[in-house]
Amino acid sequence: MNNIRIILLFTLSLLSNVAFSQFELKIYTEKIENGYKILANNDEFCPVSIKLDLTLKNMTSLQGSKNIFVIPPRTKGYLIIVLKSKKRGKYSYSYKTRYNYGNHLKKEYDKNYSYYLPLPIDKKFKISQGYNGARTHKDINALDFSMSVGTNIYAIRGGTVIKVIENNNKGCPDEICARYNNKILIYHEDGTFASYLHLIQDGAIVKKGDVVEKGQLIGKSGNTGWSSGPHLHVEVYQQWMETSTSLKTKFKINDGQKSEILKENSKYKRNYR
């Protein structure tokens, strides 16, 4: 979840442009009188947090010691920091940059939200592995819904699709196959994310940038990636600069009047829209 790039800039007048291949994000500088502005274009559909570890020579940051910044989604020319020379003579700077999806400064989320089951209506599905499961969910609050390949899956909460991977057709029960996980990643309004894993190849109904509603059809389940059998892996989590925390969430069951923490080896049905 975390990506690292190192950028070294030792110049008075160079205008640099740094694009991050895995993110639609660009950091660049503009020369100003006796210094520089560092700016960012964030073409992602969620906030991106950036950490700048600065090394300054005869320069000072007008933002003081602050080094983590949150770039709003779909933003161009966002001012990250201003660097100014301290006295006459040569000056230069360098920095290391880390970045990640999400708002590092946001610590709270909606703990009372009741999620929709990601299931077709009026059919029962078994939780083959629950929160903190003994096999692959140790210390992870994720759920595995046992379902046949090609089963329709639905958004557990409304939000914006920020990532879709659907080109893989391989799977195996070993961690080495995690690279082949097909997935849909959705960003929620309270800053949390929901990840839907192991979709069938070309099984996404939605695309990056789509705004979806809870209960909306988003894709078809599969058996790709790190998987020992056909199922849907669902995980809700918060993400910060260098860490993430998976969350135990309640789901509406049966007719939707009751919400509860889902239990391993139990079967559940969604009979609501």
C-alpha atoms as a PDB file:
ATOM      1  CA  MET A   1       0.000   0.000   0.000  1.00  0.00           C
ATOM      2  CA  ASN A   2       2.896   2.250   0.442  1.00  0.00           C
ATOM      3  CA  ASN A   3       5.171   3.637  -2.292  1.00  0.00           C
ATOM      4  CA  ILE A   4       8.552   5.341  -1.980  1.00  0.00           C
ATOM      5  CA  ARG A   5      10.486   7.531  -4.371  1.00  0.00           C
ATOM      6  CA  ILE A   6      13.724   9.444  -3.719  1.00  0.00           C
ATOM      7  CA  ILE A   7      14.282  12.734  -5.468  1.00  0.00           C
ATOM      8  CA  LEU A   8      17.562  14.601  -5.256  1.00  0.00           C
ATOM      9  CA  LEU A   9      17.543  18.228  -6.322  1.00  0.00           C
ATOM     10  CA  PHE A  10      20.695  20.325  -6.024  1.00  0.00           C
ATOM     11  CA  THR A  11      20.211  23.388  -8.171  1.00  0.00           C
ATOM     12  CA  LEU A  12      19.389  27.047  -8.227  1.00  0.00           C
ATOM     13  CA  SER A  13      17.260  27.245 -11.317  1.00  0.00           C
ATOM     14  CA  LEU A  14      16.190  23.735 -12.371  1.00  0.00           C
ATOM     15  CA  LEU A  15      12.461  23.215 -12.804  1.00  0.00           C
ATOM     16  CA  SER A  16      11.827  19.561 -11.899  1.00  0.00           C
ATOM     17  CA  ASN A  17       8.855  17.316 -12.617  1.00  0.00           C
ATOM     18  CA  VAL A  18       8.469  14.049 -10.756  1.00  0.00           C
ATOM     19  CA  ALA A  19       5.668  11.677 -11.764  1.00  0.00           C
ATOM     20  CA  PHE A  20       4.824   8.569  -9.744  1.00  0.00           C
ATOM     21  CA  SER A  21       4.128   5.608 -12.021  1.00  0.00           C
ATOM     22  CA  GLN A  22       1.678   3.810  -9.734  1.00  0.00           C
ATOM     23  CA  PHE A  23      -0.233   6.946  -8.816  1.00  0.00           C
ATOM     24  CA  GLU A  24      -1.652   9.688 -10.995  1.00  0.00           C
ATOM     25  CA  LEU A  25       0.417  12.169  -9.041  1.00  0.00           C
ATOM     26  CA  LYS A  26       3.095  14.652 -10.007  1.00  0.00           C
ATOM     27  CA  ILE A  27       5.335  16.790  -7.813  1.00  0.00           C
ATOM     28  CA  TYR A  28       7.141  19.703  -9.411  1.00  0.00           C
ATOM     29  CA  THR A  29       8.947  22.898  -8.471  1.00  0.00           C
ATOM     30  CA  GLU A  30       8.696  26.501  -9.577  1.00  0.00           C
ATOM     31  CA  LYS A  31      11.498  29.015  -9.124  1.00  0.00           C
ATOM     32  CA  ILE A  32      10.559  32.112  -7.159  1.00  0.00           C
ATOM     33  CA  GLU A  33      12.643  35.009  -5.923  1.00  0.00           C
ATOM     34  CA  ASN A  34      15.319  33.597  -3.606  1.00  0.00           C
ATOM     35  CA  GLY A  35      13.756  30.173  -3.451  1.00  0.00           C
ATOM     36  CA  TYR A  36      11.289  27.603  -4.759  1.00  0.00           C
ATOM     37  CA  LYS A  37       7.704  26.496  -4.515  1.00  0.00           C
ATOM     38  CA  ILE A  38       7.022  22.748  -4.451  1.00  0.00           C
ATOM     39  CA  LEU A  39       3.621  21.906  -5.897  1.00  0.00           C
ATOM     40  CA  ALA A  40       1.586  18.824  -6.759  1.00  0.00           C
ATOM     41  CA  ASN A  41      -0.990  17.654  -9.257  1.00  0.00           C
ATOM     42  CA  ASN A  42      -3.202  14.901  -7.848  1.00  0.00           C
ATOM     43  CA  ASP A  43      -5.306  13.273 -10.561  1.00  0.00           C
ATOM     44  CA  GLU A  44      -6.445  10.501  -8.220  1.00  0.00           C
ATOM     45  CA  PHE A  45     -10.063  10.301  -7.027  1.00  0.00           C
ATOM     46  CA  CYS A  46      -9.121  10.354  -3.344  1.00  0.00           C
ATOM     47  CA  PRO A  47      -6.707  12.367  -1.209  1.00  0.00           C
ATOM     48  CA  VAL A  48      -3.038  11.418  -1.374  1.00  0.00           C
ATOM     49  CA  SER A  49      -0.714  11.988   1.588  1.00  0.00           C
ATOM     50  CA  ILE A  50       2.883  13.025   0.914  1.00  0.00           C
ATOM     51  CA  LYS A  51       5.811  13.097   3.322  1.00  0.00           C
ATOM     52  CA  LEU A  52       8.780  15.312   2.505  1.00  0.00           C
ATOM     53  CA  ASP A  53      12.032  14.693   4.358  1.00  0.00           C
ATOM     54  CA  LEU A  54      13.950  17.859   3.510  1.00  0.00           C
ATOM     55  CA  THR A  55      17.663  18.606   3.601  1.00  0.00           C
ATOM     56  CA  LEU A  56      18.270  22.334   3.198  1.00  0.00           C
ATOM     57  CA  LYS A  57      21.462  24.307   2.582  1.00  0.00           C
ATOM     58  CA  ASN A  58      21.142  28.019   3.264  1.00  0.00           C
ATOM     59  CA  MET A  59      17.344  27.656   2.959  1.00  0.00           C
ATOM     60  CA  THR A  60      14.370  27.562   5.288  1.00  0.00           C
ATOM     61  CA  SER A  61      10.847  26.201   4.967  1.00  0.00           C
ATOM     62  CA  LEU A  62       8.067  28.731   5.413  1.00  0.00           C
ATOM     63  CA  GLN A  63       5.958  25.812   6.687  1.00  0.00           C
ATOM     64  CA  GLY A  64       8.395  25.230   9.552  1.00  0.00           C
ATOM     65  CA  SER A  65       8.962  21.630  10.581  1.00  0.00           C
ATOM     66  CA  LYS A  66       5.769  20.349   8.965  1.00  0.00           C
ATOM     67  CA  ASN A  67       6.590  17.511   6.570  1.00  0.00           C
ATOM     68  CA  ILE A  68       3.346  15.624   5.885  1.00  0.00           C
ATOM     69  CA  PHE A  69       0.858  17.153   3.480  1.00  0.00           C
ATOM     70  CA  VAL A  70      -2.507  15.991   2.147  1.00  0.00           C
ATOM     71  CA  ILE A  71      -3.229  16.683  -1.510  1.00  0.00           C
ATOM     72  CA  PRO A  72      -6.974  16.849  -2.244  1.00  0.00           C
ATOM     73  CA  PRO A  73      -8.355  14.660  -5.038  1.00  0.00           C
ATOM     74  CA  ARG A  74      -8.426  15.980  -8.611  1.00  0.00           C
ATOM     75  CA  THR A  75      -6.270  18.972  -7.732  1.00  0.00           C
ATOM     76  CA  LYS A  76      -3.710  20.772  -9.891  1.00  0.00           C
ATOM     77  CA  GLY A  77      -1.089  23.267  -8.737  1.00  0.00           C
ATOM     78  CA  TYR A  78      -1.570  22.486  -5.057  1.00  0.00           C
ATOM     79  CA  LEU A  79       1.059  24.337  -3.037  1.00  0.00           C
ATOM     80  CA  ILE A  80       2.902  21.914  -0.756  1.00  0.00           C
ATOM     81  CA  ILE A  81       5.733  24.026   0.599  1.00  0.00           C
ATOM     82  CA  VAL A  82       7.734  27.219   0.023  1.00  0.00           C
ATOM     83  CA  LEU A  83      11.510  27.228   0.440  1.00  0.00           C
ATOM     84  CA  LYS A  84      13.404  30.504   0.776  1.00  0.00           C
ATOM     85  CA  SER A  85      17.116  31.302   1.048  1.00  0.00           C
ATOM     86  CA  LYS A  86      18.261  32.503   4.468  1.00  0.00           C
ATOM     87  CA  LYS A  87      21.051  34.783   3.310  1.00  0.00           C
ATOM     88  CA  ARG A  88      22.893  35.843   0.179  1.00  0.00           C
ATOM     89  CA  GLY A  89      24.909  33.216  -1.616  1.00  0.00           C
ATOM     90  CA  LYS A  90      24.306  29.774  -3.022  1.00  0.00           C
ATOM     91  CA  TYR A  91      21.443  27.689  -1.717  1.00  0.00           C
ATOM     92  CA  SER A  92      20.117  24.220  -2.491  1.00  0.00           C
ATOM     93  CA  TYR A  93      17.830  21.514  -1.210  1.00  0.00           C
ATOM     94  CA  SER A  94      17.124  17.819  -1.449  1.00  0.00           C
ATOM     95  CA  TYR A  95      14.258  15.662  -0.247  1.00  0.00           C
ATOM     96  CA  LYS A  96      13.027  12.139   0.100  1.00  0.00           C
ATOM     97  CA  THR A  97       9.368  11.617  -0.688  1.00  0.00           C
ATOM     98  CA  ARG A  98       6.902   9.022   0.511  1.00  0.00           C
ATOM     99  CA  TYR A  99       3.266   8.958  -0.561  1.00  0.00           C
ATOM    100  CA  ASN A 100       0.117   6.924  -0.098  1.00  0.00           C
ATOM    101  CA  TYR A 101      -3.616   6.920  -0.713  1.00  0.00           C
ATOM    102  CA  GLY A 102      -5.745   8.594   1.939  1.00  0.00           C
ATOM    103  CA  ASN A 103      -5.724  11.480   4.376  1.00  0.00           C
ATOM    104  CA  HIS A 104      -2.941  10.963   6.920  1.00  0.00           C
ATOM    105  CA  LEU A 105      -4.357  13.704   9.135  1.00  0.00           C
ATOM    106  CA  LYS A 106      -7.806  12.100   9.447  1.00  0.00           C
ATOM    107  CA  LYS A 107      -7.939   9.766  12.457  1.00  0.00           C
ATOM    108  CA  GLU A 108     -11.680   9.309  13.041  1.00  0.00           C
ATOM    109  CA  TYR A 109     -14.228   7.366  10.990  1.00  0.00           C
ATOM    110  CA  ASP A 110     -17.928   6.515  11.255  1.00  0.00           C
ATOM    111  CA  LYS A 111     -17.901   3.659  13.767  1.00  0.00           C
ATOM    112  CA  ASN A 112     -21.697   3.362  13.694  1.00  0.00           C
ATOM    113  CA  TYR A 113     -22.109   2.800   9.965  1.00  0.00           C
ATOM    114  CA  SER A 114     -23.984  -0.393   9.008  1.00  0.00           C
ATOM    115  CA  TYR A 115     -22.662  -1.894   5.782  1.00  0.00           C
ATOM    116  CA  TYR A 116     -24.631  -3.741   3.119  1.00  0.00           C
ATOM    117  CA  LEU A 117     -23.791  -7.348   2.467  1.00  0.00           C
ATOM    118  CA  PRO A 118     -21.972  -7.660  -0.902  1.00  0.00           C
ATOM    119  CA  LEU A 119     -24.312 -10.500  -1.879  1.00  0.00           C
ATOM    120  CA  PRO A 120     -27.049 -11.147  -4.440  1.00  0.00           C
ATOM    121  CA  ILE A 121     -30.495 -10.706  -2.945  1.00  0.00           C
ATOM    122  CA  ASP A 122     -32.247 -13.635  -1.248  1.00  0.00           C
ATOM    123  CA  LYS A 123     -29.354 -16.113  -1.389  1.00  0.00           C
ATOM    124  CA  LYS A 124     -27.340 -17.427   1.557  1.00  0.00           C
ATOM    125  CA  PHE A 125     -23.545 -17.359   1.536  1.00  0.00           C
ATOM    126  CA  LYS A 126     -21.100 -18.732   4.089  1.00  0.00           C
ATOM    127  CA  ILE A 127     -18.282 -16.800   5.753  1.00  0.00           C
ATOM    128  CA  SER A 128     -15.426 -19.226   5.084  1.00  0.00           C
ATOM    129  CA  GLN A 129     -12.949 -17.056   6.983  1.00  0.00           C
ATOM    130  CA  GLY A 130     -13.806 -14.254   9.365  1.00  0.00           C
ATOM    131  CA  TYR A 131     -12.078 -11.444  11.198  1.00  0.00           C
ATOM    132  CA  ASN A 132      -8.643 -12.488  12.473  1.00  0.00           C
ATOM    133  CA  GLY A 133      -9.019 -15.895  10.825  1.00  0.00           C
ATOM    134  CA  ALA A 134      -6.468 -18.616  11.483  1.00  0.00           C
ATOM    135  CA  ARG A 135      -5.419 -19.144   7.868  1.00  0.00           C
ATOM    136  CA  THR A 136      -4.683 -15.927   5.990  1.00  0.00           C
ATOM    137  CA  HIS A 137      -6.550 -13.358   8.130  1.00  0.00           C
ATOM    138  CA  LYS A 138      -4.347 -13.437  11.194  1.00  0.00           C
ATOM    139  CA  ASP A 139      -4.395  -9.931  12.722  1.00  0.00           C
ATOM    140  CA  ILE A 140      -6.540  -8.764   9.773  1.00  0.00           C
ATOM    141  CA  ASN A 141     -10.191  -7.757  10.004  1.00  0.00           C
ATOM    142  CA  ALA A 142     -11.282  -9.148   6.652  1.00  0.00           C
ATOM    143  CA  LEU A 143     -14.108 -11.430   5.508  1.00  0.00           C
ATOM    144  CA  ASP A 144     -14.128 -14.234   2.943  1.00  0.00           C
ATOM    145  CA  PHE A 145     -17.514 -15.002   1.397  1.00  0.00           C
ATOM    146  CA  SER A 146     -17.555 -18.440  -0.186  1.00  0.00           C
ATOM    147  CA  MET A 147     -19.186 -18.138  -3.617  1.00  0.00           C
ATOM    148  CA  SER A 148     -18.857 -19.647  -7.067  1.00  0.00           C
ATOM    149  CA  VAL A 149     -16.919 -17.949  -9.839  1.00  0.00           C
ATOM    150  CA  GLY A 150     -19.016 -15.360 -11.657  1.00  0.00           C
ATOM    151  CA  THR A 151     -21.333 -14.493  -8.750  1.00  0.00           C
ATOM    152  CA  ASN A 152     -22.494 -10.865  -8.780  1.00  0.00           C
ATOM    153  CA  ILE A 153     -20.990  -8.722  -6.019  1.00  0.00           C
ATOM    154  CA  TYR A 154     -22.355  -5.437  -4.716  1.00  0.00           C
ATOM    155  CA  ALA A 155     -20.939  -2.330  -3.030  1.00  0.00           C
ATOM    156  CA  ILE A 156     -21.131  -2.556   0.740  1.00  0.00           C
ATOM    157  CA  ARG A 157     -21.119   1.245   0.949  1.00  0.00           C
ATOM    158  CA  GLY A 158     -21.304   4.192  -1.411  1.00  0.00           C
ATOM    159  CA  GLY A 159     -18.112   5.875  -2.524  1.00  0.00           C
ATOM    160  CA  THR A 160     -15.716   6.551  -5.388  1.00  0.00           C
ATOM    161  CA  VAL A 161     -13.848   3.841  -7.260  1.00  0.00           C
ATOM    162  CA  ILE A 162     -10.137   4.679  -7.072  1.00  0.00           C
ATOM    163  CA  LYS A 163      -8.573   1.504  -8.432  1.00  0.00           C
ATOM    164  CA  VAL A 164      -9.561  -1.442 -10.618  1.00  0.00           C
ATOM    165  CA  ILE A 165      -7.381  -4.443 -11.484  1.00  0.00           C
ATOM    166  CA  GLU A 166      -9.053  -7.091 -13.620  1.00  0.00           C
ATOM    167  CA  ASN A 167      -6.441  -8.375 -16.102  1.00  0.00           C
ATOM    168  CA  ASN A 168      -5.266 -11.427 -14.150  1.00  0.00           C
ATOM    169  CA  ASN A 169      -6.418 -15.009 -14.698  1.00  0.00           C
ATOM    170  CA  LYS A 170      -4.122 -16.874 -12.283  1.00  0.00           C
ATOM    171  CA  GLY A 171      -4.564 -17.997  -8.703  1.00  0.00           C
ATOM    172  CA  CYS A 172      -2.976 -20.330  -6.161  1.00  0.00           C
ATOM    173  CA  PRO A 173      -3.051 -20.938  -2.376  1.00  0.00           C
ATOM    174  CA  ASP A 174       0.437 -19.471  -1.865  1.00  0.00           C
ATOM    175  CA  GLU A 175       1.293 -15.866  -1.001  1.00  0.00           C
ATOM    176  CA  ILE A 176       3.432 -15.599  -4.144  1.00  0.00           C
ATOM    177  CA  CYS A 177       0.182 -15.419  -6.120  1.00  0.00           C
ATOM    178  CA  ALA A 178      -0.935 -12.225  -4.359  1.00  0.00           C
ATOM    179  CA  ARG A 179       0.490 -10.363  -7.341  1.00  0.00           C
ATOM    180  CA  TYR A 180      -2.395 -11.759  -9.411  1.00  0.00           C
ATOM    181  CA  ASN A 181      -5.188 -10.407  -7.209  1.00  0.00           C
ATOM    182  CA  ASN A 182      -7.924  -8.780  -9.246  1.00  0.00           C
ATOM    183  CA  LYS A 183      -9.547  -6.084  -7.144  1.00  0.00           C
ATOM    184  CA  ILE A 184     -11.821  -3.094  -6.846  1.00  0.00           C
ATOM    185  CA  LEU A 185     -10.889  -0.370  -4.340  1.00  0.00           C
ATOM    186  CA  ILE A 186     -13.521   2.158  -3.212  1.00  0.00           C
ATOM    187  CA  TYR A 187     -12.992   5.308  -1.131  1.00  0.00           C
ATOM    188  CA  HIS A 188     -15.749   6.292   1.337  1.00  0.00           C
ATOM    189  CA  GLU A 189     -16.750   9.743   2.532  1.00  0.00           C
ATOM    190  CA  ASP A 190     -15.474   9.125   6.088  1.00  0.00           C
ATOM    191  CA  GLY A 191     -11.961   8.428   4.776  1.00  0.00           C
ATOM    192  CA  THR A 192     -12.128   4.628   4.902  1.00  0.00           C
ATOM    193  CA  PHE A 193     -11.518   2.260   1.992  1.00  0.00           C
ATOM    194  CA  ALA A 194     -13.166  -0.999   0.956  1.00  0.00           C
ATOM    195  CA  SER A 195     -11.206  -3.601  -0.980  1.00  0.00           C
ATOM    196  CA  TYR A 196     -12.915  -6.376  -2.972  1.00  0.00           C
ATOM    197  CA  LEU A 197     -10.453  -9.117  -4.000  1.00  0.00           C
ATOM    198  CA  HIS A 198     -10.181 -12.202  -6.237  1.00  0.00           C
ATOM    199  CA  LEU A 199     -12.556 -11.034  -8.980  1.00  0.00           C
ATOM    200  CA  ILE A 200     -12.793 -13.033 -12.175  1.00  0.00           C
ATOM    201  CA  GLN A 201     -10.721 -11.765 -15.110  1.00  0.00           C
ATOM    202  CA  ASP A 202     -12.496  -8.776 -16.737  1.00  0.00           C
ATOM    203  CA  GLY A 203     -15.046  -9.042 -13.947  1.00  0.00           C
ATOM    204  CA  ALA A 204     -15.290  -5.377 -12.944  1.00  0.00           C
ATOM    205  CA  ILE A 205     -18.567  -3.644 -13.796  1.00  0.00           C
ATOM    206  CA  VAL A 206     -17.260  -0.260 -12.628  1.00  0.00           C
ATOM    207  CA  LYS A 207     -14.195   1.754 -13.592  1.00  0.00           C
ATOM    208  CA  LYS A 208     -11.858   4.158 -11.849  1.00  0.00           C
ATOM    209  CA  GLY A 209     -13.597   7.444 -11.080  1.00  0.00           C
ATOM    210  CA  ASP A 210     -17.119   6.000 -10.935  1.00  0.00           C
ATOM    211  CA  VAL A 211     -19.280   7.103  -8.009  1.00  0.00           C
ATOM    212  CA  VAL A 212     -21.227   4.104  -6.727  1.00  0.00           C
ATOM    213  CA  GLU A 213     -24.106   3.713  -4.294  1.00  0.00           C
ATOM    214  CA  LYS A 214     -24.421   1.077  -1.605  1.00  0.00           C
ATOM    215  CA  GLY A 215     -25.971  -2.077  -3.001  1.00  0.00           C
ATOM    216  CA  GLN A 216     -24.874  -1.267  -6.553  1.00  0.00           C
ATOM    217  CA  LEU A 217     -23.540  -4.088  -8.743  1.00  0.00           C
ATOM    218  CA  ILE A 218     -19.782  -3.583  -9.105  1.00  0.00           C
ATOM    219  CA  GLY A 219     -18.312  -6.857 -10.362  1.00  0.00           C
ATOM    220  CA  LYS A 220     -18.192 -10.637 -10.451  1.00  0.00           C
ATOM    221  CA  SER A 221     -16.394 -12.885  -7.994  1.00  0.00           C
ATOM    222  CA  GLY A 222     -13.582 -15.221  -8.972  1.00  0.00           C
ATOM    223  CA  ASN A 223     -10.582 -17.206  -7.791  1.00  0.00           C
ATOM    224  CA  THR A 224      -7.623 -15.054  -8.830  1.00  0.00           C
ATOM    225  CA  GLY A 225      -4.540 -14.157  -6.819  1.00  0.00           C
ATOM    226  CA  TRP A 226      -3.752 -15.592  -3.408  1.00  0.00           C
ATOM    227  CA  SER A 227      -6.748 -17.871  -3.165  1.00  0.00           C
ATOM    228  CA  SER A 228      -7.339 -21.511  -2.280  1.00  0.00           C
ATOM    229  CA  GLY A 229     -10.830 -21.604  -3.784  1.00  0.00           C
ATOM    230  CA  PRO A 230     -13.561 -19.385  -5.259  1.00  0.00           C
ATOM    231  CA  HIS A 231     -14.537 -16.626  -2.848  1.00  0.00           C
ATOM    232  CA  LEU A 232     -14.827 -12.868  -2.342  1.00  0.00           C
ATOM    233  CA  HIS A 233     -12.458 -11.172   0.099  1.00  0.00           C
ATOM    234  CA  VAL A 234     -13.811  -7.912   1.573  1.00  0.00           C
ATOM    235  CA  GLU A 235     -11.834  -5.605   3.834  1.00  0.00           C
ATOM    236  CA  VAL A 236     -12.616  -2.134   5.191  1.00  0.00           C
ATOM    237  CA  TYR A 237      -9.627  -0.160   6.434  1.00  0.00           C
ATOM    238  CA  GLN A 238      -8.165   3.208   7.326  1.00  0.00           C
ATOM    239  CA  GLN A 239      -4.901   4.212   5.719  1.00  0.00           C
ATOM    240  CA  TRP A 240      -2.235   6.716   6.714  1.00  0.00           C
ATOM    241  CA  MET A 241       1.201   7.637   5.462  1.00  0.00           C
ATOM    242  CA  GLU A 242       2.997   4.387   6.245  1.00  0.00           C
ATOM    243  CA  THR A 243       0.417   2.192   7.975  1.00  0.00           C
ATOM    244  CA  SER A 244      -3.134   0.930   7.627  1.00  0.00           C
ATOM    245  CA  THR A 245      -5.628  -0.582  10.052  1.00  0.00           C
ATOM    246  CA  SER A 246      -8.371  -3.003   9.040  1.00  0.00           C
ATOM    247  CA  LEU A 247     -11.705  -2.454  10.767  1.00  0.00           C
ATOM    248  CA  LYS A 248     -14.399  -4.668  12.224  1.00  0.00           C
ATOM    249  CA  THR A 249     -17.642  -3.479  10.690  1.00  0.00           C
ATOM    250  CA  LYS A 250     -21.293  -4.376  11.190  1.00  0.00           C
ATOM    251  CA  PHE A 251     -23.410  -5.567   8.261  1.00  0.00           C
ATOM    252  CA  LYS A 252     -27.157  -5.463   7.722  1.00  0.00           C
ATOM    253  CA  ILE A 253     -28.495  -9.009   7.567  1.00  0.00           C
ATOM    254  CA  ASN A 254     -31.763 -10.640   6.438  1.00  0.00           C
ATOM    255  CA  ASP A 255     -34.331  -7.841   5.878  1.00  0.00           C
ATOM    256  CA  GLY A 256     -31.847  -5.131   6.898  1.00  0.00           C
ATOM    257  CA  GLN A 257     -33.450  -4.293  10.230  1.00  0.00           C
ATOM    258  CA  LYS A 258     -30.589  -5.822  12.196  1.00  0.00           C
ATOM    259  CA  SER A 259     -26.835  -5.248  11.941  1.00  0.00           C
ATOM    260  CA  GLU A 260     -24.104  -7.405  13.422  1.00  0.00           C
ATOM    261  CA  ILE A 261     -20.479  -8.488  13.228  1.00  0.00           C
ATOM    262  CA  LEU A 262     -20.365 -11.444  10.839  1.00  0.00           C
ATOM    263  CA  LYS A 263     -19.007 -14.717  12.203  1.00  0.00           C
ATOM    264  CA  GLU A 264     -16.832 -17.345  10.568  1.00  0.00           C
ATOM    265  CA  ASN A 265     -18.659 -20.480   9.320  1.00  0.00           C
ATOM    266  CA  SER A 266     -22.055 -18.762   9.586  1.00  0.00           C
ATOM    267  CA  LYS A 267     -24.344 -18.167   6.607  1.00  0.00           C
ATOM    268  CA  TYR A 268     -25.934 -14.835   5.770  1.00  0.00           C
ATOM    269  CA  LYS A 269     -28.560 -13.536   3.405  1.00  0.00           C
ATOM    270  CA  ARG A 270     -29.369 -10.095   2.015  1.00  0.00           C
ATOM    271  CA  ASN A 271     -33.086  -9.547   1.488  1.00  0.00           C
ATOM    272  CA  TYR A 272     -33.057  -5.769   1.060  1.00  0.00           C
ATOM    273  CA  ARG A 273     -32.142  -3.241  -1.603  1.00  0.00           C
END
